[in-house]
């Protein structure tokens, strides 16, 4: 999961840089593709209509006369900003999930582990408080006993932990760990 968080962070940084410096590269690539398809690599301009100013306090926006600049502002920037916002939203969601589940592979003190288990229990509890997916105290006890049995070198992430439990058929012995 931490690899996915790092990958999303790198993609977000790339999109931020690309938003500023990637336009010319995109234009150059588009020109090469247009020439390969025997098309003219040019932007077409259209008529610019003037808006009548009704009130004196209205600002006068200068229309963009360059078709390439209009494309950059009204299309390229919009697409890149949408992609960057989407990646950032997913980055934040994944980071929240990572923070909730990362403690499963950490060697924390009993008190800290129990508080993290309680936070996870609250996060996984539905709208009916009596219907809990996991029990925080049982989960903490299972993690303590599991650390004595499972080699620490094999458990590098929550996914590796689940795979280990499944591979060695320990899912019935550690049900709260497997569910969480």
C-alpha atoms as a PDB file:
ATOM      1  CA  UNK A   1       0.000   0.000   0.000  1.00  0.00           C
ATOM      2  CA  UNK A   2       2.847   2.385   0.731  1.00  0.00           C
ATOM      3  CA  UNK A   3       4.106   1.738  -2.815  1.00  0.00           C
ATOM      4  CA  UNK A   4       0.730   2.812  -4.189  1.00  0.00           C
ATOM      5  CA  UNK A   5       0.781   5.947  -2.024  1.00  0.00           C
ATOM      6  CA  UNK A   6       4.276   6.789  -3.312  1.00  0.00           C
ATOM      7  CA  UNK A   7       3.225   6.110  -6.904  1.00  0.00           C
ATOM      8  CA  UNK A   8       0.223   8.436  -6.597  1.00  0.00           C
ATOM      9  CA  UNK A   9       2.434  11.096  -5.025  1.00  0.00           C
ATOM     10  CA  UNK A  10       4.842  10.810  -7.983  1.00  0.00           C
ATOM     11  CA  UNK A  11       1.988  10.983 -10.499  1.00  0.00           C
ATOM     12  CA  UNK A  12       0.630  14.092  -8.799  1.00  0.00           C
ATOM     13  CA  UNK A  13       4.061  15.756  -8.927  1.00  0.00           C
ATOM     14  CA  UNK A  14       4.433  14.771 -12.598  1.00  0.00           C
ATOM     15  CA  UNK A  15       1.038  16.260 -13.476  1.00  0.00           C
ATOM     16  CA  UNK A  16       1.902  19.491 -11.662  1.00  0.00           C
ATOM     17  CA  UNK A  17       5.131  19.799 -13.667  1.00  0.00           C
ATOM     18  CA  UNK A  18       3.437  18.718 -16.890  1.00  0.00           C
ATOM     19  CA  UNK A  19       0.740  21.342 -16.435  1.00  0.00           C
ATOM     20  CA  UNK A  20       3.397  24.043 -16.580  1.00  0.00           C
ATOM     21  CA  UNK A  21       5.957  22.644 -19.010  1.00  0.00           C
ATOM     22  CA  UNK A  22       4.255  19.850 -20.941  1.00  0.00           C
ATOM     23  CA  UNK A  23       2.140  21.863 -23.328  1.00  0.00           C
ATOM     24  CA  UNK A  24       4.902  22.430 -25.880  1.00  0.00           C
ATOM     25  CA  UNK A  25       5.881  18.760 -25.740  1.00  0.00           C
ATOM     26  CA  UNK A  26       2.234  17.782 -26.346  1.00  0.00           C
ATOM     27  CA  UNK A  27       2.054  20.174 -29.317  1.00  0.00           C
ATOM     28  CA  UNK A  28       5.282  18.753 -30.776  1.00  0.00           C
ATOM     29  CA  UNK A  29       3.999  15.192 -30.395  1.00  0.00           C
ATOM     30  CA  UNK A  30       0.663  16.158 -31.965  1.00  0.00           C
ATOM     31  CA  UNK A  31       2.448  17.733 -34.932  1.00  0.00           C
ATOM     32  CA  UNK A  32       4.449  14.537 -35.491  1.00  0.00           C
ATOM     33  CA  UNK A  33       1.255  12.449 -35.370  1.00  0.00           C
ATOM     34  CA  UNK A  34      -0.568  14.849 -37.706  1.00  0.00           C
ATOM     35  CA  UNK A  35       2.260  14.660 -40.244  1.00  0.00           C
ATOM     36  CA  UNK A  36       2.249  10.857 -39.990  1.00  0.00           C
ATOM     37  CA  UNK A  37      -1.469  10.885 -40.832  1.00  0.00           C
ATOM     38  CA  UNK A  38      -0.962  13.371 -43.693  1.00  0.00           C
ATOM     39  CA  UNK A  39      -2.889  16.133 -41.918  1.00  0.00           C
ATOM     40  CA  UNK A  40      -1.955  19.765 -41.615  1.00  0.00           C
ATOM     41  CA  UNK A  41      -0.690  20.460 -38.082  1.00  0.00           C
ATOM     42  CA  UNK A  42      -2.358  23.815 -37.539  1.00  0.00           C
ATOM     43  CA  UNK A  43      -4.901  25.343 -35.222  1.00  0.00           C
ATOM     44  CA  UNK A  44      -7.876  26.939 -36.877  1.00  0.00           C
ATOM     45  CA  UNK A  45      -9.169  30.207 -35.546  1.00  0.00           C
ATOM     46  CA  UNK A  46     -12.773  31.233 -35.405  1.00  0.00           C
ATOM     47  CA  UNK A  47     -14.658  34.502 -35.378  1.00  0.00           C
ATOM     48  CA  UNK A  48     -14.455  36.393 -32.125  1.00  0.00           C
ATOM     49  CA  UNK A  49     -17.705  38.011 -31.172  1.00  0.00           C
ATOM     50  CA  UNK A  50     -17.765  41.045 -28.962  1.00  0.00           C
ATOM     51  CA  UNK A  51     -20.008  41.072 -25.946  1.00  0.00           C
ATOM     52  CA  UNK A  52     -22.017  44.210 -25.484  1.00  0.00           C
ATOM     53  CA  UNK A  53     -21.223  45.960 -22.215  1.00  0.00           C
ATOM     54  CA  UNK A  54     -24.508  46.816 -20.515  1.00  0.00           C
ATOM     55  CA  UNK A  55     -23.275  48.130 -17.195  1.00  0.00           C
ATOM     56  CA  UNK A  56     -20.292  50.375 -16.645  1.00  0.00           C
ATOM     57  CA  UNK A  57     -18.904  48.275 -13.793  1.00  0.00           C
ATOM     58  CA  UNK A  58     -18.498  45.194 -15.980  1.00  0.00           C
ATOM     59  CA  UNK A  59     -14.907  44.433 -16.793  1.00  0.00           C
ATOM     60  CA  UNK A  60     -13.760  44.184 -20.346  1.00  0.00           C
ATOM     61  CA  UNK A  61     -12.242  40.804 -20.981  1.00  0.00           C
ATOM     62  CA  UNK A  62      -9.846  40.768 -23.840  1.00  0.00           C
ATOM     63  CA  UNK A  63     -10.663  37.828 -26.098  1.00  0.00           C
ATOM     64  CA  UNK A  64      -7.957  35.319 -26.803  1.00  0.00           C
ATOM     65  CA  UNK A  65      -7.098  35.696 -30.467  1.00  0.00           C
ATOM     66  CA  UNK A  66      -4.383  33.036 -30.701  1.00  0.00           C
ATOM     67  CA  UNK A  67      -5.973  29.637 -31.372  1.00  0.00           C
ATOM     68  CA  UNK A  68      -3.029  27.800 -29.808  1.00  0.00           C
ATOM     69  CA  UNK A  69      -3.280  29.820 -26.593  1.00  0.00           C
ATOM     70  CA  UNK A  70      -7.045  29.319 -26.476  1.00  0.00           C
ATOM     71  CA  UNK A  71      -6.521  25.568 -26.813  1.00  0.00           C
ATOM     72  CA  UNK A  72      -3.949  25.646 -23.997  1.00  0.00           C
ATOM     73  CA  UNK A  73      -6.249  27.533 -21.639  1.00  0.00           C
ATOM     74  CA  UNK A  74      -9.643  26.050 -22.449  1.00  0.00           C
ATOM     75  CA  UNK A  75      -8.626  22.429 -23.086  1.00  0.00           C
ATOM     76  CA  UNK A  76      -5.097  21.429 -22.033  1.00  0.00           C
ATOM     77  CA  UNK A  77      -5.135  23.139 -18.633  1.00  0.00           C
ATOM     78  CA  UNK A  78      -8.667  21.894 -17.908  1.00  0.00           C
ATOM     79  CA  UNK A  79      -7.785  18.260 -18.659  1.00  0.00           C
ATOM     80  CA  UNK A  80      -4.526  18.359 -16.683  1.00  0.00           C
ATOM     81  CA  UNK A  81      -6.198  20.073 -13.710  1.00  0.00           C
ATOM     82  CA  UNK A  82      -8.997  17.503 -13.731  1.00  0.00           C
ATOM     83  CA  UNK A  83      -6.483  14.643 -13.812  1.00  0.00           C
ATOM     84  CA  UNK A  84      -4.404  16.228 -11.039  1.00  0.00           C
ATOM     85  CA  UNK A  85      -7.484  16.764  -8.849  1.00  0.00           C
ATOM     86  CA  UNK A  86      -8.624  13.199  -9.431  1.00  0.00           C
ATOM     87  CA  UNK A  87      -5.198  11.770  -8.563  1.00  0.00           C
ATOM     88  CA  UNK A  88      -4.951  13.970  -5.463  1.00  0.00           C
ATOM     89  CA  UNK A  89      -8.382  12.800  -4.267  1.00  0.00           C
ATOM     90  CA  UNK A  90      -7.366   9.165  -4.693  1.00  0.00           C
ATOM     91  CA  UNK A  91      -4.026   9.886  -3.017  1.00  0.00           C
ATOM     92  CA  UNK A  92      -5.791  11.306   0.048  1.00  0.00           C
ATOM     93  CA  UNK A  93      -8.241   8.385   0.213  1.00  0.00           C
ATOM     94  CA  UNK A  94      -5.469   5.814  -0.097  1.00  0.00           C
ATOM     95  CA  UNK A  95      -3.382   7.630   2.493  1.00  0.00           C
ATOM     96  CA  UNK A  96      -6.317   7.520   4.936  1.00  0.00           C
ATOM     97  CA  UNK A  97      -6.780   3.802   4.352  1.00  0.00           C
ATOM     98  CA  UNK A  98      -3.043   3.242   4.741  1.00  0.00           C
ATOM     99  CA  UNK A  99      -3.050   5.102   8.063  1.00  0.00           C
ATOM    100  CA  UNK A 100      -5.916   2.961   9.356  1.00  0.00           C
ATOM    101  CA  UNK A 101      -4.392  -0.402   8.434  1.00  0.00           C
ATOM    102  CA  UNK A 102      -0.619   0.164   8.650  1.00  0.00           C
ATOM    103  CA  UNK A 103      -0.512  -0.603  12.390  1.00  0.00           C
ATOM    104  CA  UNK A 104      -1.260  -4.269  11.653  1.00  0.00           C
ATOM    105  CA  UNK A 105       2.406  -4.747  10.733  1.00  0.00           C
ATOM    106  CA  UNK A 106       3.922  -2.492  13.383  1.00  0.00           C
ATOM    107  CA  UNK A 107       5.311  -3.503  16.754  1.00  0.00           C
ATOM    108  CA  UNK A 108       3.589  -0.930  18.941  1.00  0.00           C
ATOM    109  CA  UNK A 109       2.999  -0.741  22.669  1.00  0.00           C
ATOM    110  CA  UNK A 110      -0.096  -2.473  24.000  1.00  0.00           C
ATOM    111  CA  UNK A 111      -1.904   0.814  24.662  1.00  0.00           C
ATOM    112  CA  UNK A 112      -1.162   2.318  21.258  1.00  0.00           C
ATOM    113  CA  UNK A 113      -2.078  -0.940  19.515  1.00  0.00           C
ATOM    114  CA  UNK A 114      -5.380  -1.133  21.381  1.00  0.00           C
ATOM    115  CA  UNK A 115      -6.263   2.474  20.500  1.00  0.00           C
ATOM    116  CA  UNK A 116      -5.466   1.813  16.810  1.00  0.00           C
ATOM    117  CA  UNK A 117      -7.606  -1.342  16.946  1.00  0.00           C
ATOM    118  CA  UNK A 118     -10.458   0.700  18.430  1.00  0.00           C
ATOM    119  CA  UNK A 119     -10.125   3.297  15.643  1.00  0.00           C
ATOM    120  CA  UNK A 120     -10.248   0.528  13.050  1.00  0.00           C
ATOM    121  CA  UNK A 121     -13.240  -1.070  14.760  1.00  0.00           C
ATOM    122  CA  UNK A 122     -15.074   2.269  14.663  1.00  0.00           C
ATOM    123  CA  UNK A 123     -14.154   2.777  10.994  1.00  0.00           C
ATOM    124  CA  UNK A 124     -15.429  -0.674  10.022  1.00  0.00           C
ATOM    125  CA  UNK A 125     -18.614  -0.496  12.097  1.00  0.00           C
ATOM    126  CA  UNK A 126     -21.724   0.133  10.068  1.00  0.00           C
ATOM    127  CA  UNK A 127     -24.727   2.195  11.055  1.00  0.00           C
ATOM    128  CA  UNK A 128     -25.895  -0.389  13.583  1.00  0.00           C
ATOM    129  CA  UNK A 129     -23.401  -0.270  16.495  1.00  0.00           C
ATOM    130  CA  UNK A 130     -24.147  -3.851  17.601  1.00  0.00           C
ATOM    131  CA  UNK A 131     -23.151  -5.237  14.206  1.00  0.00           C
ATOM    132  CA  UNK A 132     -19.368  -4.938  14.287  1.00  0.00           C
ATOM    133  CA  UNK A 133     -17.063  -6.552  11.768  1.00  0.00           C
ATOM    134  CA  UNK A 134     -14.236  -6.852  14.283  1.00  0.00           C
ATOM    135  CA  UNK A 135     -13.739  -6.607  18.027  1.00  0.00           C
ATOM    136  CA  UNK A 136     -10.924  -4.214  19.006  1.00  0.00           C
ATOM    137  CA  UNK A 137      -9.773  -6.116  22.105  1.00  0.00           C
ATOM    138  CA  UNK A 138      -9.861  -9.471  20.320  1.00  0.00           C
ATOM    139  CA  UNK A 139      -7.945  -7.968  17.395  1.00  0.00           C
ATOM    140  CA  UNK A 140      -5.274  -6.598  19.728  1.00  0.00           C
ATOM    141  CA  UNK A 141      -4.969  -9.971  21.497  1.00  0.00           C
ATOM    142  CA  UNK A 142      -4.744 -11.787  18.156  1.00  0.00           C
ATOM    143  CA  UNK A 143      -2.004  -9.425  16.959  1.00  0.00           C
ATOM    144  CA  UNK A 144      -0.026 -10.050  20.164  1.00  0.00           C
ATOM    145  CA  UNK A 145      -0.253 -13.836  19.900  1.00  0.00           C
ATOM    146  CA  UNK A 146       0.303 -13.808  16.149  1.00  0.00           C
ATOM    147  CA  UNK A 147       3.583 -11.902  16.499  1.00  0.00           C
ATOM    148  CA  UNK A 148       4.931 -14.819  18.520  1.00  0.00           C
ATOM    149  CA  UNK A 149       4.110 -17.329  15.770  1.00  0.00           C
ATOM    150  CA  UNK A 150       4.441 -15.485  12.455  1.00  0.00           C
ATOM    151  CA  UNK A 151       8.002 -14.587  11.365  1.00  0.00           C
ATOM    152  CA  UNK A 152       8.367 -10.810  11.264  1.00  0.00           C
ATOM    153  CA  UNK A 153      10.427 -10.954   8.073  1.00  0.00           C
ATOM    154  CA  UNK A 154       7.521 -12.392   6.079  1.00  0.00           C
ATOM    155  CA  UNK A 155       5.052  -9.694   7.090  1.00  0.00           C
ATOM    156  CA  UNK A 156       5.941  -6.455   5.340  1.00  0.00           C
ATOM    157  CA  UNK A 157       2.447  -5.114   4.653  1.00  0.00           C
ATOM    158  CA  UNK A 158      -1.178  -5.803   5.601  1.00  0.00           C
ATOM    159  CA  UNK A 159      -1.632  -7.647   2.293  1.00  0.00           C
ATOM    160  CA  UNK A 160       1.369  -9.879   3.046  1.00  0.00           C
ATOM    161  CA  UNK A 161      -0.156 -10.587   6.455  1.00  0.00           C
ATOM    162  CA  UNK A 162      -3.458 -11.689   4.913  1.00  0.00           C
ATOM    163  CA  UNK A 163      -1.654 -13.813   2.340  1.00  0.00           C
ATOM    164  CA  UNK A 164       0.396 -15.479   5.085  1.00  0.00           C
ATOM    165  CA  UNK A 165      -2.715 -16.243   7.165  1.00  0.00           C
ATOM    166  CA  UNK A 166      -4.501 -17.648   4.141  1.00  0.00           C
ATOM    167  CA  UNK A 167      -1.517 -19.697   2.941  1.00  0.00           C
ATOM    168  CA  UNK A 168      -0.964 -21.327   6.334  1.00  0.00           C
ATOM    169  CA  UNK A 169      -4.698 -21.745   7.007  1.00  0.00           C
ATOM    170  CA  UNK A 170      -4.690 -19.548  10.093  1.00  0.00           C
ATOM    171  CA  UNK A 171      -7.813 -17.600   9.191  1.00  0.00           C
ATOM    172  CA  UNK A 172      -9.933 -19.438  11.762  1.00  0.00           C
ATOM    173  CA  UNK A 173      -7.390 -18.857  14.511  1.00  0.00           C
ATOM    174  CA  UNK A 174      -7.044 -15.127  13.782  1.00  0.00           C
ATOM    175  CA  UNK A 175     -10.488 -14.127  12.435  1.00  0.00           C
ATOM    176  CA  UNK A 176     -10.313 -10.451  13.457  1.00  0.00           C
ATOM    177  CA  UNK A 177      -6.901  -9.985  11.857  1.00  0.00           C
ATOM    178  CA  UNK A 178      -8.105 -11.703   8.684  1.00  0.00           C
ATOM    179  CA  UNK A 179     -11.259  -9.581   8.480  1.00  0.00           C
ATOM    180  CA  UNK A 180      -9.449  -6.345   9.164  1.00  0.00           C
END
